[in-house]
N, C-alpha and C. Protein backbone atom coordinates (compact mmCIF):
# COMPACT_ATOMS: atom_id res chain seq x y z
N UNK A 1 1.03 -0.97 0.11
CA UNK A 1 -0.52 -0.08 -0.30
C UNK A 1 0.80 1.13 -0.39
N UNK A 2 0.46 1.85 -0.71
CA UNK A 2 0.92 3.01 -0.90
C UNK A 2 1.48 4.30 0.50
N UNK A 3 2.13 4.98 0.57
CA UNK A 3 1.59 5.48 2.32
C UNK A 3 0.72 7.05 1.65
N UNK A 4 0.11 6.91 3.28
CA UNK A 4 -1.36 7.95 3.52
C UNK A 4 -1.34 7.41 4.66
N UNK A 5 -0.19 7.98 5.83
CA UNK A 5 -0.06 8.61 6.57
C UNK A 5 0.94 10.13 6.30
N UNK A 6 0.32 10.87 7.65
CA UNK A 6 1.67 11.72 6.74
C UNK A 6 2.73 12.32 8.42
N UNK A 7 3.82 12.57 7.96
CA UNK A 7 5.39 13.22 8.83
C UNK A 7 4.89 14.31 8.81
N UNK A 8 4.56 15.34 10.26
CA UNK A 8 4.12 16.85 9.39
C UNK A 8 5.86 17.38 10.24
N UNK A 9 5.58 18.86 9.33
CA UNK A 9 6.43 19.58 10.01
C UNK A 9 6.82 19.97 11.20
N UNK A 10 7.30 20.85 11.87
CA UNK A 10 7.87 21.27 13.69
C UNK A 10 6.86 22.53 13.50
N UNK A 11 6.67 23.23 11.69
CA UNK A 11 5.78 24.36 12.21
C UNK A 11 4.47 24.56 12.61
N UNK A 12 3.85 23.36 12.95
CA UNK A 12 2.26 23.24 13.16
C UNK A 12 2.66 23.49 14.37
N UNK A 13 1.12 23.53 15.42
CA UNK A 13 1.08 24.32 16.31
C UNK A 13 -0.12 23.08 17.02
N UNK A 14 -0.19 23.07 18.29
CA UNK A 14 -0.60 21.40 19.20
C UNK A 14 -1.96 21.48 18.61
N UNK A 15 -2.61 21.92 18.93
CA UNK A 15 -3.75 21.05 18.04
C UNK A 15 -3.60 20.99 16.55
N UNK A 16 -2.98 21.52 15.74
CA UNK A 16 -2.43 21.01 14.20
C UNK A 16 -2.35 19.48 13.96
N UNK A 17 -1.19 19.20 15.40
CA UNK A 17 -0.72 17.93 15.67
C UNK A 17 -1.50 17.15 15.86
N UNK A 18 -2.48 17.71 17.09
CA UNK A 18 -3.42 17.41 17.17
C UNK A 18 -4.69 16.27 16.27
N UNK A 19 -4.17 16.83 15.55
CA UNK A 19 -6.27 16.53 14.23
C UNK A 19 -4.80 15.83 13.47
N UNK A 20 -2.88 16.53 13.12
CA UNK A 20 -2.84 14.72 12.50
C UNK A 20 -2.60 13.48 12.92
N UNK A 21 -2.13 13.88 14.85
CA UNK A 21 -2.21 12.73 15.29
C UNK A 21 -3.33 11.66 14.34
N UNK A 22 -4.44 12.04 15.14
CA UNK A 22 -6.39 11.52 14.81
C UNK A 22 -5.79 11.03 13.33
N UNK A 23 -5.84 11.73 12.01
CA UNK A 23 -5.45 11.57 10.87
C UNK A 23 -4.48 10.16 10.47
N UNK A 24 -3.89 10.38 10.76
CA UNK A 24 -2.51 9.05 11.43
C UNK A 24 -3.86 7.66 11.62
N UNK A 25 -3.99 7.78 13.08
CA UNK A 25 -4.51 6.78 13.51
C UNK A 25 -6.03 6.45 12.79
N UNK A 26 -6.24 6.88 12.34
CA UNK A 26 -6.90 6.89 11.67
C UNK A 26 -7.53 6.05 10.05
N UNK A 27 -6.20 5.96 8.94
CA UNK A 27 -6.18 5.70 8.19
C UNK A 27 -5.00 4.59 8.50
N UNK A 28 -4.44 4.53 9.76
CA UNK A 28 -3.69 2.68 10.17
C UNK A 28 -4.41 2.00 10.58
N UNK A 29 -5.58 2.64 11.35
CA UNK A 29 -6.51 1.47 12.08
C UNK A 29 -7.46 0.74 10.73
N UNK A 30 -7.94 1.42 9.36
CA UNK A 30 -8.29 1.44 8.72
C UNK A 30 -7.34 0.22 7.64
N UNK A 31 -6.16 0.59 7.30
CA UNK A 31 -5.24 -0.67 6.36
C UNK A 31 -4.85 -1.75 7.46
N UNK A 32 -5.08 -1.34 8.45
CA UNK A 32 -4.43 -2.59 9.09
C UNK A 32 -5.92 -3.55 9.75
N UNK A 33 -6.77 -3.42 9.90
CA UNK A 33 -7.45 -3.41 10.75
C UNK A 33 -9.46 -3.13 9.49
N UNK A 34 -9.01 -2.44 8.51
CA UNK A 34 -10.22 -2.06 7.84
C UNK A 34 -10.75 -3.51 7.31
N UNK A 35 -10.23 -4.68 7.36
CA UNK A 35 -11.11 -5.88 6.92
C UNK A 35 -12.41 -6.50 8.58
N UNK A 36 -11.57 -5.79 9.77
CA UNK A 36 -12.43 -6.34 10.84
C UNK A 36 -13.57 -5.69 11.37
N UNK A 37 -13.51 -4.27 10.36
CA UNK A 37 -14.53 -3.61 11.11
C UNK A 37 -16.23 -3.85 10.46
N UNK A 38 -16.96 -4.02 10.86
CA UNK A 38 -18.71 -4.07 10.27
C UNK A 38 -18.30 -3.11 9.31
N UNK A 39 -19.49 -3.47 7.41
CA UNK A 39 -19.77 -2.17 6.58
C UNK A 39 -19.75 -0.75 7.08
N UNK A 40 -20.29 -0.92 8.24
CA UNK A 40 -20.82 0.58 9.01
C UNK A 40 -19.50 1.42 9.65
N UNK A 41 -20.13 0.20 10.03
CA UNK A 41 -17.53 1.20 10.75
C UNK A 41 -16.71 1.50 10.45
N UNK A 42 -17.32 1.09 8.51
CA UNK A 42 -15.49 1.06 8.32
C UNK A 42 -16.31 1.89 7.05
N UNK A 43 -17.65 2.80 6.73
CA UNK A 43 -17.83 3.11 5.96
C UNK A 43 -17.94 5.08 6.33
N UNK A 44 -17.89 4.74 7.64
CA UNK A 44 -18.04 5.88 8.66
C UNK A 44 -16.78 6.48 8.95
N UNK A 45 -15.75 6.13 9.66
CA UNK A 45 -14.76 5.97 9.04
C UNK A 45 -13.64 6.97 8.01
N UNK A 46 -13.93 5.95 7.08
CA UNK A 46 -13.31 6.28 5.92
C UNK A 46 -14.24 7.93 6.16
N UNK A 47 -15.53 8.43 5.41
CA UNK A 47 -15.96 8.76 5.53
C UNK A 47 -15.40 10.69 6.73
N UNK A 48 -14.88 9.40 8.11
CA UNK A 48 -14.02 10.93 8.91
C UNK A 48 -13.04 10.96 8.44
N UNK A 49 -12.24 9.81 7.72
CA UNK A 49 -11.18 10.14 7.13
C UNK A 49 -10.87 10.71 5.80
N UNK A 50 -11.40 10.74 4.89
CA UNK A 50 -11.97 12.09 3.81
C UNK A 50 -12.07 13.92 4.52
N UNK A 51 -12.39 14.10 5.81
CA UNK A 51 -12.58 15.24 6.04
C UNK A 51 -12.20 15.23 6.84
N UNK A 52 -10.93 14.77 7.31
CA UNK A 52 -9.78 14.91 8.00
C UNK A 52 -9.11 15.52 6.97
N UNK A 53 -9.11 14.52 6.33
CA UNK A 53 -8.12 14.59 4.46
C UNK A 53 -8.26 16.31 3.86
N UNK A 54 -9.59 16.37 4.45
CA UNK A 54 -9.64 18.25 3.87
C UNK A 54 -8.91 18.54 4.69
N UNK A 55 -8.84 18.32 5.85
CA UNK A 55 -7.57 19.42 7.07
C UNK A 55 -6.24 19.40 6.79
N UNK A 56 -5.96 17.86 6.53
CA UNK A 56 -4.04 17.99 6.15
C UNK A 56 -4.40 18.66 4.37
N UNK A 57 -4.85 18.18 3.65
CA UNK A 57 -5.00 19.24 2.67
C UNK A 57 -4.79 21.09 2.43
N UNK A 58 -5.69 21.52 3.37
CA UNK A 58 -5.58 22.87 4.05
C UNK A 58 -4.74 22.90 4.93
N UNK A 59 -3.32 21.77 5.27
CA UNK A 59 -2.48 23.17 5.95
C UNK A 59 -1.66 22.11 5.16
N UNK A 60 -1.73 21.75 4.00
CA UNK A 60 -0.46 22.10 2.62
C UNK A 60 0.33 20.13 3.37
N UNK A 61 0.71 19.33 3.64
CA UNK A 61 0.57 18.19 4.12
C UNK A 61 0.40 17.06 3.15
N UNK A 62 -0.07 17.01 1.86
CA UNK A 62 0.70 16.51 0.87
C UNK A 62 -0.59 14.99 1.01
N UNK A 63 -1.75 14.73 1.53
CA UNK A 63 -2.20 13.62 1.99
C UNK A 63 -1.73 13.09 0.97
N UNK A 64 -1.91 12.78 0.35
CA UNK A 64 -2.27 11.32 -1.51
C UNK A 64 -3.05 11.30 -1.46
N UNK A 65 -4.25 10.04 -1.86
CA UNK A 65 -5.27 10.47 -2.54
C UNK A 65 -6.29 9.49 -1.02
N UNK A 66 -7.39 9.10 -1.38
CA UNK A 66 -8.20 8.57 -1.11
C UNK A 66 -8.26 7.38 -1.48
N UNK A 67 -8.36 6.70 -2.74
CA UNK A 67 -7.70 5.88 -3.03
C UNK A 67 -7.66 4.34 -2.73
N UNK A 68 -6.15 4.93 -2.39
CA UNK A 68 -5.52 4.76 -1.74
C UNK A 68 -5.68 3.44 -0.41
N UNK A 69 -6.34 4.69 0.75
CA UNK A 69 -7.50 3.70 2.10
C UNK A 69 -8.54 2.75 1.42
N UNK A 70 -9.15 3.25 0.32
CA UNK A 70 -10.25 2.49 -0.07
C UNK A 70 -11.79 3.17 0.21
N UNK A 71 -10.92 4.57 -0.08
CA UNK A 71 -12.14 5.35 -0.25
C UNK A 71 -13.14 5.45 -1.06
């Protein structure tokens, strides 16, 4: 699977770093355990990643493509 997590630069504030951590955690969970989730759980987790993807993109963090995680 292509790299879908983000290595944040040091210039982000604490709140932004927390959002990056949440994004990375969701992506990792879907990557490693997505098949163990019920369909509604996976679908809603993908929606959450898509919303956070917009934040990552807005922070110019190059979040890659949502297709890489099955969105």
